PDB file of N, CA and C in Angstrom:
ATOM      1  N   MET A   1     -29.258 -59.991 -75.596  1.00  0.00           N
ATOM      2  CA  MET A   1     -30.124 -59.077 -74.417  1.00  0.00           C
ATOM      3  C   MET A   1     -29.907 -59.522 -72.979  1.00  0.00           C
ATOM      4  N   THR A   2     -29.512 -59.485 -71.886  1.00  0.00           N
ATOM      5  CA  THR A   2     -29.656 -60.315 -70.754  1.00  0.00           C
ATOM      6  C   THR A   2     -31.287 -59.946 -70.066  1.00  0.00           C
ATOM      7  N   THR A   3     -31.803 -61.064 -69.823  1.00  0.00           N
ATOM      8  CA  THR A   3     -33.097 -61.108 -69.297  1.00  0.00           C
ATOM      9  C   THR A   3     -32.792 -61.006 -67.648  1.00  0.00           C
ATOM     10  N   PRO A   4     -33.710 -60.636 -66.035  1.00  0.00           N
ATOM     11  CA  PRO A   4     -33.556 -61.192 -65.193  1.00  0.00           C
ATOM     12  C   PRO A   4     -33.461 -62.693 -64.848  1.00  0.00           C
ATOM     13  N   LYS A   5     -33.684 -63.478 -66.017  1.00  0.00           N
ATOM     14  CA  LYS A   5     -33.479 -65.092 -65.340  1.00  0.00           C
ATOM     15  C   LYS A   5     -32.202 -65.524 -65.323  1.00  0.00           C
ATOM     16  N   ALA A   6     -31.465 -64.818 -66.484  1.00  0.00           N
ATOM     17  CA  ALA A   6     -29.980 -65.141 -66.915  1.00  0.00           C
ATOM     18  C   ALA A   6     -29.147 -64.334 -66.041  1.00  0.00           C
ATOM     19  N   ALA A   7     -29.563 -63.242 -65.455  1.00  0.00           N
ATOM     20  CA  ALA A   7     -28.694 -62.059 -64.884  1.00  0.00           C
ATOM     21  C   ALA A   7     -28.652 -63.130 -63.092  1.00  0.00           C
ATOM     22  N   ALA A   8     -30.229 -63.356 -62.783  1.00  0.00           N
ATOM     23  CA  ALA A   8     -30.482 -64.365 -61.693  1.00  0.00           C
ATOM     24  C   ALA A   8     -28.680 -65.737 -61.391  1.00  0.00           C
ATOM     25  N   LYS A   9     -29.204 -65.864 -63.109  1.00  0.00           N
ATOM     26  CA  LYS A   9     -27.911 -67.481 -62.578  1.00  0.00           C
ATOM     27  C   LYS A   9     -26.797 -67.173 -62.624  1.00  0.00           C
ATOM     28  N   PHE A  10     -26.407 -65.893 -63.659  1.00  0.00           N
ATOM     29  CA  PHE A  10     -24.740 -65.078 -63.493  1.00  0.00           C
ATOM     30  C   PHE A  10     -24.407 -65.228 -62.356  1.00  0.00           C
ATOM     31  N   LEU A  11     -25.599 -63.994 -61.465  1.00  0.00           N
ATOM     32  CA  LEU A  11     -24.857 -63.457 -60.165  1.00  0.00           C
ATOM     33  C   LEU A  11     -25.131 -64.474 -59.002  1.00  0.00           C
ATOM     34  N   ALA A  12     -25.765 -65.740 -58.973  1.00  0.00           N
ATOM     35  CA  ALA A  12     -25.644 -66.686 -58.287  1.00  0.00           C
ATOM     36  C   ALA A  12     -24.568 -67.667 -58.167  1.00  0.00           C
ATOM     37  N   ARG A  13     -23.944 -67.783 -59.412  1.00  0.00           N
ATOM     38  CA  ARG A  13     -22.629 -68.857 -59.544  1.00  0.00           C
ATOM     39  C   ARG A  13     -21.803 -68.138 -58.192  1.00  0.00           C
ATOM     40  N   ASP A  14     -21.814 -66.748 -57.663  1.00  0.00           N
ATOM     41  CA  ASP A  14     -21.006 -66.286 -56.739  1.00  0.00           C
ATOM     42  C   ASP A  14     -21.652 -66.894 -55.255  1.00  0.00           C
ATOM     43  N   GLY A  15     -22.868 -66.981 -54.992  1.00  0.00           N
ATOM     44  CA  GLY A  15     -23.425 -67.384 -53.790  1.00  0.00           C
ATOM     45  C   GLY A  15     -24.163 -66.190 -53.704  1.00  0.00           C
ATOM     46  N   LEU A  16     -24.627 -65.197 -54.388  1.00  0.00           N
ATOM     47  CA  LEU A  16     -25.060 -64.012 -54.054  1.00  0.00           C
ATOM     48  C   LEU A  16     -26.620 -64.707 -53.685  1.00  0.00           C
ATOM     49  N   VAL A  17     -27.583 -63.757 -52.426  1.00  0.00           N
ATOM     50  CA  VAL A  17     -28.785 -64.147 -52.694  1.00  0.00           C
ATOM     51  C   VAL A  17     -29.124 -62.891 -53.426  1.00  0.00           C
ATOM     52  N   LEU A  18     -30.351 -63.066 -54.349  1.00  0.00           N
ATOM     53  CA  LEU A  18     -30.839 -61.573 -55.338  1.00  0.00           C
ATOM     54  C   LEU A  18     -32.166 -61.325 -54.967  1.00  0.00           C
ATOM     55  N   PHE A  19     -32.527 -60.260 -54.682  1.00  0.00           N
ATOM     56  CA  PHE A  19     -34.139 -59.571 -53.974  1.00  0.00           C
ATOM     57  C   PHE A  19     -34.240 -58.539 -55.690  1.00  0.00           C
ATOM     58  N   ASP A  20     -35.653 -59.406 -56.369  1.00  0.00           N
ATOM     59  CA  ASP A  20     -35.769 -58.435 -57.381  1.00  0.00           C
ATOM     60  C   ASP A  20     -36.796 -57.070 -56.794  1.00  0.00           C
ATOM     61  N   ASN A  21     -36.330 -55.825 -56.970  1.00  0.00           N
ATOM     62  CA  ASN A  21     -37.358 -54.793 -56.411  1.00  0.00           C
ATOM     63  C   ASN A  21     -37.995 -53.854 -57.715  1.00  0.00           C
ATOM     64  N   PRO A  22     -38.673 -54.117 -57.916  1.00  0.00           N
ATOM     65  CA  PRO A  22     -39.075 -53.635 -59.611  1.00  0.00           C
ATOM     66  C   PRO A  22     -39.414 -52.256 -59.318  1.00  0.00           C
ATOM     67  N   ASP A  23     -39.903 -52.016 -58.197  1.00  0.00           N
ATOM     68  CA  ASP A  23     -40.008 -50.024 -58.035  1.00  0.00           C
ATOM     69  C   ASP A  23     -39.021 -49.415 -58.489  1.00  0.00           C
ATOM     70  N   SER A  24     -37.673 -50.347 -57.697  1.00  0.00           N
ATOM     71  CA  SER A  24     -36.453 -49.191 -58.363  1.00  0.00           C
ATOM     72  C   SER A  24     -35.977 -50.174 -59.682  1.00  0.00           C
ATOM     73  N   PHE A  25     -36.443 -50.592 -60.579  1.00  0.00           N
ATOM     74  CA  PHE A  25     -36.482 -51.016 -61.586  1.00  0.00           C
ATOM     75  C   PHE A  25     -35.059 -51.870 -61.097  1.00  0.00           C
ATOM     76  N   LEU A  26     -35.060 -53.127 -60.282  1.00  0.00           N
ATOM     77  CA  LEU A  26     -33.374 -53.241 -60.636  1.00  0.00           C
ATOM     78  C   LEU A  26     -33.028 -54.803 -59.269  1.00  0.00           C
ATOM     79  N   ILE A  27     -32.157 -55.693 -59.469  1.00  0.00           N
ATOM     80  CA  ILE A  27     -31.753 -56.443 -59.001  1.00  0.00           C
ATOM     81  C   ILE A  27     -31.235 -55.929 -57.726  1.00  0.00           C
ATOM     82  N   CYS A  28     -31.306 -57.200 -56.455  1.00  0.00           N
ATOM     83  CA  CYS A  28     -30.077 -56.340 -55.466  1.00  0.00           C
ATOM     84  C   CYS A  28     -29.442 -57.694 -55.180  1.00  0.00           C
ATOM     85  N   ALA A  29     -28.531 -57.760 -55.640  1.00  0.00           N
ATOM     86  CA  ALA A  29     -27.264 -58.815 -55.358  1.00  0.00           C
ATOM     87  C   ALA A  29     -26.688 -58.506 -53.698  1.00  0.00           C
ATOM     88  N   PHE A  30     -27.888 -58.834 -52.797  1.00  0.00           N
ATOM     89  CA  PHE A  30     -27.429 -58.161 -51.269  1.00  0.00           C
ATOM     90  C   PHE A  30     -26.117 -58.599 -50.615  1.00  0.00           C
ATOM     91  N   LYS A  31     -25.357 -57.595 -50.555  1.00  0.00           N
ATOM     92  CA  LYS A  31     -24.346 -57.466 -49.627  1.00  0.00           C
ATOM     93  C   LYS A  31     -24.290 -56.996 -48.670  1.00  0.00           C
ATOM     94  N   ARG A  32     -24.864 -56.596 -46.944  1.00  0.00           N
ATOM     95  CA  ARG A  32     -25.046 -56.265 -46.053  1.00  0.00           C
ATOM     96  C   ARG A  32     -23.388 -55.197 -46.028  1.00  0.00           C
ATOM     97  N   ASP A  33     -22.804 -55.450 -46.038  1.00  0.00           N
ATOM     98  CA  ASP A  33     -21.331 -54.556 -45.898  1.00  0.00           C
ATOM     99  C   ASP A  33     -21.206 -53.153 -46.724  1.00  0.00           C
ATOM    100  N   THR A  34     -21.932 -53.633 -48.128  1.00  0.00           N
ATOM    101  CA  THR A  34     -22.110 -52.922 -49.484  1.00  0.00           C
ATOM    102  C   THR A  34     -22.920 -51.963 -49.271  1.00  0.00           C
ATOM    103  N   ALA A  35     -24.271 -52.331 -48.437  1.00  0.00           N
ATOM    104  CA  ALA A  35     -25.450 -51.862 -49.361  1.00  0.00           C
ATOM    105  C   ALA A  35     -25.679 -50.199 -48.762  1.00  0.00           C
ATOM    106  N   LEU A  36     -26.033 -49.476 -49.628  1.00  0.00           N
ATOM    107  CA  LEU A  36     -26.550 -48.255 -49.057  1.00  0.00           C
ATOM    108  C   LEU A  36     -27.680 -48.335 -48.388  1.00  0.00           C
ATOM    109  N   CYS A  37     -28.898 -48.803 -48.670  1.00  0.00           N
ATOM    110  CA  CYS A  37     -29.710 -49.414 -47.858  1.00  0.00           C
ATOM    111  C   CYS A  37     -30.284 -49.194 -46.261  1.00  0.00           C
ATOM    112  N   ASP A  38     -28.883 -49.252 -45.763  1.00  0.00           N
ATOM    113  CA  ASP A  38     -28.883 -49.197 -44.415  1.00  0.00           C
ATOM    114  C   ASP A  38     -29.347 -49.897 -43.556  1.00  0.00           C
ATOM    115  N   PRO A  39     -29.257 -51.851 -43.858  1.00  0.00           N
ATOM    116  CA  PRO A  39     -29.891 -52.485 -43.162  1.00  0.00           C
ATOM    117  C   PRO A  39     -29.139 -52.622 -41.860  1.00  0.00           C
ATOM    118  N   ASP A  40     -29.837 -53.330 -40.881  1.00  0.00           N
ATOM    119  CA  ASP A  40     -29.449 -53.937 -39.849  1.00  0.00           C
ATOM    120  C   ASP A  40     -28.038 -54.300 -39.557  1.00  0.00           C
ATOM    121  N   SER A  41     -27.062 -54.607 -38.629  1.00  0.00           N
ATOM    122  CA  SER A  41     -26.398 -55.214 -38.633  1.00  0.00           C
ATOM    123  C   SER A  41     -26.193 -56.225 -39.042  1.00  0.00           C
ATOM    124  N   GLY A  42     -27.489 -57.159 -38.315  1.00  0.00           N
ATOM    125  CA  GLY A  42     -27.629 -58.963 -38.998  1.00  0.00           C
ATOM    126  C   GLY A  42     -28.869 -59.032 -39.910  1.00  0.00           C
ATOM    127  N   ALA A  43     -28.746 -57.896 -41.039  1.00  0.00           N
ATOM    128  CA  ALA A  43     -29.559 -58.375 -41.965  1.00  0.00           C
ATOM    129  C   ALA A  43     -29.227 -59.057 -43.233  1.00  0.00           C
ATOM    130  N   THR A  44     -30.154 -60.491 -43.338  1.00  0.00           N
ATOM    131  CA  THR A  44     -30.122 -61.041 -44.171  1.00  0.00           C
ATOM    132  C   THR A  44     -30.343 -60.658 -45.595  1.00  0.00           C
ATOM    133  N   ALA A  45     -31.365 -59.235 -45.859  1.00  0.00           N
ATOM    134  CA  ALA A  45     -32.047 -58.652 -47.180  1.00  0.00           C
ATOM    135  C   ALA A  45     -31.930 -57.164 -46.557  1.00  0.00           C
ATOM    136  N   PRO A  46     -32.274 -57.421 -47.993  1.00  0.00           N
ATOM    137  CA  PRO A  46     -31.785 -54.947 -48.023  1.00  0.00           C
ATOM    138  C   PRO A  46     -32.987 -54.734 -47.224  1.00  0.00           C
ATOM    139  N   ASN A  47     -33.077 -53.540 -47.242  1.00  0.00           N
ATOM    140  CA  ASN A  47     -34.222 -52.795 -46.877  1.00  0.00           C
ATOM    141  C   ASN A  47     -34.829 -52.160 -48.024  1.00  0.00           C
ATOM    142  N   GLN A  48     -35.913 -52.971 -49.127  1.00  0.00           N
ATOM    143  CA  GLN A  48     -36.036 -52.815 -50.134  1.00  0.00           C
ATOM    144  C   GLN A  48     -36.772 -51.161 -50.445  1.00  0.00           C
ATOM    145  N   PHE A  49     -37.277 -50.848 -49.289  1.00  0.00           N
ATOM    146  CA  PHE A  49     -38.307 -49.667 -49.644  1.00  0.00           C
ATOM    147  C   PHE A  49     -37.259 -48.187 -49.426  1.00  0.00           C
ATOM    148  N   ALA A  50     -35.134 -48.005 -49.183  1.00  0.00           N
ATOM    149  CA  ALA A  50     -35.003 -47.685 -49.027  1.00  0.00           C
ATOM    150  C   ALA A  50     -33.047 -47.280 -50.140  1.00  0.00           C
ATOM    151  N   CYS A  51     -33.879 -48.412 -51.322  1.00  0.00           N
ATOM    152  CA  CYS A  51     -32.539 -48.075 -52.603  1.00  0.00           C
ATOM    153  C   CYS A  51     -32.049 -47.024 -52.276  1.00  0.00           C
ATOM    154  N   GLN A  52     -30.603 -46.705 -52.144  1.00  0.00           N
ATOM    155  CA  GLN A  52     -29.793 -45.786 -52.802  1.00  0.00           C
ATOM    156  C   GLN A  52     -29.759 -45.259 -54.101  1.00  0.00           C
ATOM    157  N   LEU A  53     -29.382 -44.369 -54.670  1.00  0.00           N
ATOM    158  CA  LEU A  53     -28.764 -44.665 -56.576  1.00  0.00           C
ATOM    159  C   LEU A  53     -27.036 -44.606 -55.496  1.00  0.00           C
ATOM    160  N   GLY A  54     -26.462 -45.176 -56.752  1.00  0.00           N
ATOM    161  CA  GLY A  54     -25.174 -45.261 -56.496  1.00  0.00           C
ATOM    162  C   GLY A  54     -24.689 -46.979 -55.636  1.00  0.00           C
ATOM    163  N   CYS A  55     -25.311 -47.533 -55.648  1.00  0.00           N
ATOM    164  CA  CYS A  55     -25.581 -49.061 -54.592  1.00  0.00           C
ATOM    165  C   CYS A  55     -24.378 -50.143 -55.251  1.00  0.00           C
ATOM    166  N   GLY A  56     -23.655 -49.814 -54.798  1.00  0.00           N
ATOM    167  CA  GLY A  56     -22.344 -51.465 -55.681  1.00  0.00           C
ATOM    168  C   GLY A  56     -23.293 -52.972 -55.494  1.00  0.00           C
ATOM    169  N   ASN A  57     -25.071 -52.827 -55.132  1.00  0.00           N
ATOM    170  CA  ASN A  57     -25.538 -54.178 -55.332  1.00  0.00           C
ATOM    171  C   ASN A  57     -26.473 -54.224 -55.851  1.00  0.00           C
ATOM    172  N   ALA A  58     -26.793 -52.952 -56.772  1.00  0.00           N
ATOM    173  CA  ALA A  58     -27.970 -53.086 -57.753  1.00  0.00           C
ATOM    174  C   ALA A  58     -27.540 -53.462 -59.118  1.00  0.00           C
ATOM    175  N   VAL A  59     -28.087 -54.445 -59.540  1.00  0.00           N
ATOM    176  CA  VAL A  59     -28.121 -54.666 -60.662  1.00  0.00           C
ATOM    177  C   VAL A  59     -29.180 -54.792 -61.777  1.00  0.00           C
ATOM    178  N   ARG A  60     -29.251 -53.678 -62.965  1.00  0.00           N
ATOM    179  CA  ARG A  60     -30.184 -53.547 -64.077  1.00  0.00           C
ATOM    180  C   ARG A  60     -29.698 -54.635 -65.366  1.00  0.00           C
ATOM    181  N   THR A  61     -31.064 -55.057 -65.171  1.00  0.00           N
ATOM    182  CA  THR A  61     -31.425 -56.117 -66.630  1.00  0.00           C
ATOM    183  C   THR A  61     -32.008 -54.441 -67.518  1.00  0.00           C
ATOM    184  N   ASP A  62     -31.873 -55.240 -68.950  1.00  0.00           N
ATOM    185  CA  ASP A  62     -32.358 -54.444 -70.065  1.00  0.00           C
ATOM    186  C   ASP A  62     -33.640 -54.273 -69.797  1.00  0.00           C
ATOM    187  N   SER A  63     -34.356 -55.584 -69.651  1.00  0.00           N
ATOM    188  CA  SER A  63     -35.782 -55.556 -68.954  1.00  0.00           C
ATOM    189  C   SER A  63     -36.263 -54.529 -68.200  1.00  0.00           C
ATOM    190  N   HIS A  64     -35.372 -53.745 -66.929  1.00  0.00           N
ATOM    191  CA  HIS A  64     -35.346 -52.933 -66.482  1.00  0.00           C
ATOM    192  C   HIS A  64     -35.341 -51.520 -66.458  1.00  0.00           C
ATOM    193  N   ALA A  65     -34.171 -51.556 -67.335  1.00  0.00           N
ATOM    194  CA  ALA A  65     -33.905 -50.477 -67.844  1.00  0.00           C
ATOM    195  C   ALA A  65     -35.094 -50.118 -69.419  1.00  0.00           C
ATOM    196  N   GLN A  66     -35.459 -51.015 -69.735  1.00  0.00           N
ATOM    197  CA  GLN A  66     -36.773 -50.837 -70.597  1.00  0.00           C
ATOM    198  C   GLN A  66     -38.078 -50.317 -69.477  1.00  0.00           C
ATOM    199  N   ALA A  67     -38.098 -50.911 -68.515  1.00  0.00           N
ATOM    200  CA  ALA A  67     -39.432 -50.217 -67.784  1.00  0.00           C
ATOM    201  C   ALA A  67     -38.959 -49.236 -67.173  1.00  0.00           C
ATOM    202  N   ALA A  68     -37.987 -48.435 -66.937  1.00  0.00           N
ATOM    203  CA  ALA A  68     -37.945 -47.221 -66.411  1.00  0.00           C
ATOM    204  C   ALA A  68     -37.968 -46.010 -67.163  1.00  0.00           C
ATOM    205  N   ARG A  69     -37.331 -46.743 -68.374  1.00  0.00           N
ATOM    206  CA  ARG A  69     -38.093 -45.738 -69.800  1.00  0.00           C
ATOM    207  C   ARG A  69     -39.111 -45.383 -69.929  1.00  0.00           C
ATOM    208  N   GLU A  70     -40.148 -46.689 -69.892  1.00  0.00           N
ATOM    209  CA  GLU A  70     -41.523 -46.568 -70.150  1.00  0.00           C
ATOM    210  C   GLU A  70     -41.768 -45.752 -68.697  1.00  0.00           C
ATOM    211  N   HIS A  71     -41.765 -46.069 -67.134  1.00  0.00           N
ATOM    212  CA  HIS A  71     -42.093 -44.855 -66.148  1.00  0.00           C
ATOM    213  C   HIS A  71     -41.868 -43.766 -66.861  1.00  0.00           C
ATOM    214  N   ALA A  72     -40.391 -42.947 -66.887  1.00  0.00           N
ATOM    215  CA  ALA A  72     -39.933 -41.626 -67.271  1.00  0.00           C
ATOM    216  C   ALA A  72     -40.938 -41.505 -68.220  1.00  0.00           C
ATOM    217  N   ASP A  73     -40.977 -41.869 -69.264  1.00  0.00           N
ATOM    218  CA  ASP A  73     -42.051 -41.289 -70.279  1.00  0.00           C
ATOM    219  C   ASP A  73     -43.859 -40.739 -69.519  1.00  0.00           C
ATOM    220  N   ARG A  74     -44.015 -42.114 -68.485  1.00  0.00           N
ATOM    221  CA  ARG A  74     -46.120 -42.143 -68.024  1.00  0.00           C
ATOM    222  C   ARG A  74     -45.140 -40.858 -66.678  1.00  0.00           C
ATOM    223  N   LEU A  75     -44.531 -40.504 -66.527  1.00  0.00           N
ATOM    224  CA  LEU A  75     -44.314 -39.163 -66.065  1.00  0.00           C
ATOM    225  C   LEU A  75     -44.246 -37.841 -66.492  1.00  0.00           C
ATOM    226  N   ASP A  76     -43.192 -37.759 -67.782  1.00  0.00           N
ATOM    227  CA  ASP A  76     -43.664 -36.676 -68.512  1.00  0.00           C
ATOM    228  C   ASP A  76     -44.999 -36.405 -69.180  1.00  0.00           C
ATOM    229  N   ALA A  77     -45.677 -37.550 -69.548  1.00  0.00           N
ATOM    230  CA  ALA A  77     -47.572 -37.389 -70.047  1.00  0.00           C
ATOM    231  C   ALA A  77     -47.487 -36.664 -68.613  1.00  0.00           C
ATOM    232  N   LYS A  78     -48.208 -37.393 -67.644  1.00  0.00           N
ATOM    233  CA  LYS A  78     -48.309 -36.347 -66.133  1.00  0.00           C
ATOM    234  C   LYS A  78     -47.882 -35.326 -66.151  1.00  0.00           C
ATOM    235  N   ALA A  79     -46.295 -34.748 -65.934  1.00  0.00           N
ATOM    236  CA  ALA A  79     -46.107 -33.768 -66.126  1.00  0.00           C
ATOM    237  C   ALA A  79     -46.896 -32.562 -67.126  1.00  0.00           C
ATOM    238  N   ALA A  80     -46.896 -32.743 -68.319  1.00  0.00           N
ATOM    239  CA  ALA A  80     -48.104 -32.083 -69.360  1.00  0.00           C
ATOM    240  C   ALA A  80     -49.500 -31.334 -68.569  1.00  0.00           C
ATOM    241  N   LEU A  81     -50.182 -32.433 -67.736  1.00  0.00           N
ATOM    242  CA  LEU A  81     -51.500 -31.935 -67.262  1.00  0.00           C
ATOM    243  C   LEU A  81     -51.402 -31.326 -65.695  1.00  0.00           C
ATOM    244  N   VAL A  82     -50.305 -30.889 -65.254  1.00  0.00           N
ATOM    245  CA  VAL A  82     -50.407 -30.424 -64.216  1.00  0.00           C
ATOM    246  C   VAL A  82     -49.658 -28.865 -63.587  1.00  0.00           C
ATOM    247  N   PRO A  83     -50.201 -28.208 -62.835  1.00  0.00           N
ATOM    248  CA  PRO A  83     -49.365 -27.013 -62.504  1.00  0.00           C
ATOM    249  C   PRO A  83     -47.625 -26.921 -62.666  1.00  0.00           C
ATOM    250  N   GLN A  84     -47.259 -25.586 -63.370  1.00  0.00           N
ATOM    251  CA  GLN A  84     -45.476 -26.083 -63.320  1.00  0.00           C
ATOM    252  C   GLN A  84     -44.839 -26.458 -62.631  1.00  0.00           C
ATOM    253  N   PRO A  85     -44.458 -25.995 -61.661  1.00  0.00           N
ATOM    254  CA  PRO A  85     -44.174 -26.816 -60.120  1.00  0.00           C
ATOM    255  C   PRO A  85     -44.007 -28.078 -60.223  1.00  0.00           C
ATOM    256  N   LEU A  86     -44.894 -28.877 -60.113  1.00  0.00           N
ATOM    257  CA  LEU A  86     -45.172 -30.132 -60.002  1.00  0.00           C
ATOM    258  C   LEU A  86     -44.626 -30.797 -61.106  1.00  0.00           C
ATOM    259  N   GLY A  87     -44.746 -30.316 -62.805  1.00  0.00           N
ATOM    260  CA  GLY A  87     -44.446 -30.967 -63.551  1.00  0.00           C
ATOM    261  C   GLY A  87     -42.867 -30.343 -63.582  1.00  0.00           C
ATOM    262  N   ASP A  88     -42.737 -29.943 -63.804  1.00  0.00           N
ATOM    263  CA  ASP A  88     -41.233 -29.221 -63.085  1.00  0.00           C
ATOM    264  C   ASP A  88     -40.299 -30.983 -62.510  1.00  0.00           C
ATOM    265  N   ARG A  89     -41.116 -30.632 -61.288  1.00  0.00           N
ATOM    266  CA  ARG A  89     -40.570 -31.912 -60.550  1.00  0.00           C
ATOM    267  C   ARG A  89     -40.645 -33.481 -60.917  1.00  0.00           C
ATOM    268  N   LEU A  90     -42.212 -33.023 -62.134  1.00  0.00           N
ATOM    269  CA  LEU A  90     -42.168 -34.734 -62.432  1.00  0.00           C
ATOM    270  C   LEU A  90     -41.150 -35.219 -63.467  1.00  0.00           C
ATOM    271  N   ARG A  91     -40.618 -33.695 -64.062  1.00  0.00           N
ATOM    272  CA  ARG A  91     -39.676 -34.181 -65.291  1.00  0.00           C
ATOM    273  C   ARG A  91     -38.311 -34.398 -64.978  1.00  0.00           C
ATOM    274  N   LEU A  92     -38.311 -34.113 -63.714  1.00  0.00           N
ATOM    275  CA  LEU A  92     -37.137 -33.946 -62.835  1.00  0.00           C
ATOM    276  C   LEU A  92     -36.518 -35.589 -62.881  1.00  0.00           C
ATOM    277  N   THR A  93     -37.774 -35.744 -62.648  1.00  0.00           N
ATOM    278  CA  THR A  93     -37.272 -37.813 -61.995  1.00  0.00           C
ATOM    279  C   THR A  93     -37.856 -38.409 -63.366  1.00  0.00           C
ATOM    280  N   ALA A  94     -38.344 -38.316 -64.101  1.00  0.00           N
ATOM    281  CA  ALA A  94     -38.196 -38.788 -65.241  1.00  0.00           C
ATOM    282  C   ALA A  94     -36.961 -38.487 -65.947  1.00  0.00           C
ATOM    283  N   ASN A  95     -36.508 -37.350 -65.849  1.00  0.00           N
ATOM    284  CA  ASN A  95     -34.925 -37.466 -66.452  1.00  0.00           C
ATOM    285  C   ASN A  95     -34.358 -38.688 -65.429  1.00  0.00           C
ATOM    286  N   ARG A  96     -34.324 -38.679 -64.302  1.00  0.00           N
ATOM    287  CA  ARG A  96     -33.320 -39.751 -63.529  1.00  0.00           C
ATOM    288  C   ARG A  96     -32.978 -40.799 -63.410  1.00  0.00           C
ATOM    289  N   PHE A  97     -35.214 -41.485 -63.819  1.00  0.00           N
ATOM    290  CA  PHE A  97     -34.547 -42.814 -64.411  1.00  0.00           C
ATOM    291  C   PHE A  97     -34.694 -42.781 -66.114  1.00  0.00           C
ATOM    292  N   ARG A  98     -34.598 -41.756 -66.522  1.00  0.00           N
ATOM    293  CA  ARG A  98     -34.110 -41.949 -67.641  1.00  0.00           C
ATOM    294  C   ARG A  98     -32.194 -42.512 -67.872  1.00  0.00           C
ATOM    295  N   GLY A  99     -31.834 -41.802 -66.895  1.00  0.00           N
ATOM    296  CA  GLY A  99     -30.543 -41.400 -66.863  1.00  0.00           C
ATOM    297  C   GLY A  99     -29.641 -43.041 -66.204  1.00  0.00           C
ATOM    298  N   LEU A 100     -30.815 -43.131 -65.372  1.00  0.00           N
ATOM    299  CA  LEU A 100     -30.194 -44.878 -65.120  1.00  0.00           C
ATOM    300  C   LEU A 100     -30.654 -46.087 -66.068  1.00  0.00           C
ATOM    301  N   ALA A 101     -31.179 -46.057 -67.198  1.00  0.00           N
ATOM    302  CA  ALA A 101     -31.810 -46.383 -67.928  1.00  0.00           C
ATOM    303  C   ALA A 101     -30.351 -46.811 -68.927  1.00  0.00           C
ATOM    304  N   ASP A 102     -29.847 -45.156 -69.808  1.00  0.00           N
ATOM    305  CA  ASP A 102     -28.761 -44.834 -70.636  1.00  0.00           C
ATOM    306  C   ASP A 102     -28.034 -45.274 -69.520  1.00  0.00           C
ATOM    307  N   ALA A 103     -27.455 -45.230 -68.166  1.00  0.00           N
ATOM    308  CA  ALA A 103     -26.540 -45.629 -67.512  1.00  0.00           C
ATOM    309  C   ALA A 103     -26.164 -47.032 -68.117  1.00  0.00           C
ATOM    310  N   HIS A 104     -27.561 -47.989 -67.873  1.00  0.00           N
ATOM    311  CA  HIS A 104     -27.273 -49.110 -68.191  1.00  0.00           C
ATOM    312  C   HIS A 104     -26.847 -49.879 -69.351  1.00  0.00           C
ATOM    313  N   THR A 105     -27.397 -48.991 -70.235  1.00  0.00           N
ATOM    314  CA  THR A 105     -27.187 -49.536 -72.193  1.00  0.00           C
ATOM    315  C   THR A 105     -25.920 -49.178 -72.362  1.00  0.00           C
ATOM    316  N   VAL A 106     -25.242 -48.263 -71.200  1.00  0.00           N
ATOM    317  CA  VAL A 106     -23.539 -47.679 -71.548  1.00  0.00           C
ATOM    318  C   VAL A 106     -23.130 -48.825 -70.757  1.00  0.00           C
ATOM    319  N   ALA A 107     -23.980 -49.307 -69.628  1.00  0.00           N
ATOM    320  CA  ALA A 107     -22.929 -50.745 -69.222  1.00  0.00           C
ATOM    321  C   ALA A 107     -22.631 -51.227 -69.163  1.00  0.00           C
ATOM    322  N   ALA A 108     -24.124 -52.360 -69.629  1.00  0.00           N
ATOM    323  CA  ALA A 108     -24.644 -53.446 -70.065  1.00  0.00           C
ATOM    324  C   ALA A 108     -23.238 -53.992 -70.561  1.00  0.00           C
ATOM    325  N   HIS A 109     -23.400 -56.021 -70.092  1.00  0.00           N
ATOM    326  CA  HIS A 109     -22.600 -56.596 -70.328  1.00  0.00           C
ATOM    327  C   HIS A 109     -23.895 -58.116 -70.743  1.00  0.00           C
ATOM    328  N   THR A 110     -23.197 -58.779 -71.472  1.00  0.00           N
ATOM    329  CA  THR A 110     -23.965 -59.879 -72.057  1.00  0.00           C
ATOM    330  C   THR A 110     -23.766 -60.853 -71.408  1.00  0.00           C
ATOM    331  N   ALA A 111     -24.624 -61.535 -70.719  1.00  0.00           N
ATOM    332  CA  ALA A 111     -24.698 -63.079 -70.220  1.00  0.00           C
ATOM    333  C   ALA A 111     -24.018 -63.930 -70.659  1.00  0.00           C
ATOM    334  N   PRO A 112     -22.520 -64.941 -70.215  1.00  0.00           N
ATOM    335  CA  PRO A 112     -21.767 -65.503 -70.523  1.00  0.00           C
ATOM    336  C   PRO A 112     -23.117 -67.000 -70.969  1.00  0.00           C
ATOM    337  N   GLU A 113     -22.437 -67.288 -72.475  1.00  0.00           N
ATOM    338  CA  GLU A 113     -23.096 -68.384 -72.895  1.00  0.00           C
ATOM    339  C   GLU A 113     -23.590 -69.478 -71.835  1.00  0.00           C
ATOM    340  N   GLY A 114     -24.762 -70.178 -72.475  1.00  0.00           N
ATOM    341  CA  GLY A 114     -25.434 -71.109 -71.877  1.00  0.00           C
ATOM    342  C   GLY A 114     -26.627 -70.584 -70.677  1.00  0.00           C
ATOM    343  N   LEU A 115     -25.967 -69.308 -70.207  1.00  0.00           N
ATOM    344  CA  LEU A 115     -26.957 -68.744 -69.393  1.00  0.00           C
ATOM    345  C   LEU A 115     -28.114 -67.967 -69.424  1.00  0.00           C
ATOM    346  N   THR A 116     -28.500 -67.763 -70.952  1.00  0.00           N
ATOM    347  CA  THR A 116     -29.347 -67.280 -71.058  1.00  0.00           C
ATOM    348  C   THR A 116     -30.626 -67.753 -71.387  1.00  0.00           C
TER     349      THR A 116
END
């Protein structure tokens, strides 16, 4: 199981600066040239309010994936209590978060020995 601390140690070995973004269920291994959050040209940090799906700087841990699944469950519960159009949108969003979690599970790597 990969923890945020283990992921940070593993990624920091390359001198990357890491930014935890719990609202997006990820850690950003910020590289301005590849960031999809459209940071300013001299930025030294991501625009955390503009995280984009598919950004190569995004790193998810098992904890992030679990939190995304739990968030999806909460959205589904809310969807059952609101009018259909809003409920449909909440269910679509829940499915998107489950997709992120599932993609993590498929692609997850265990941190090398000594980093956990």
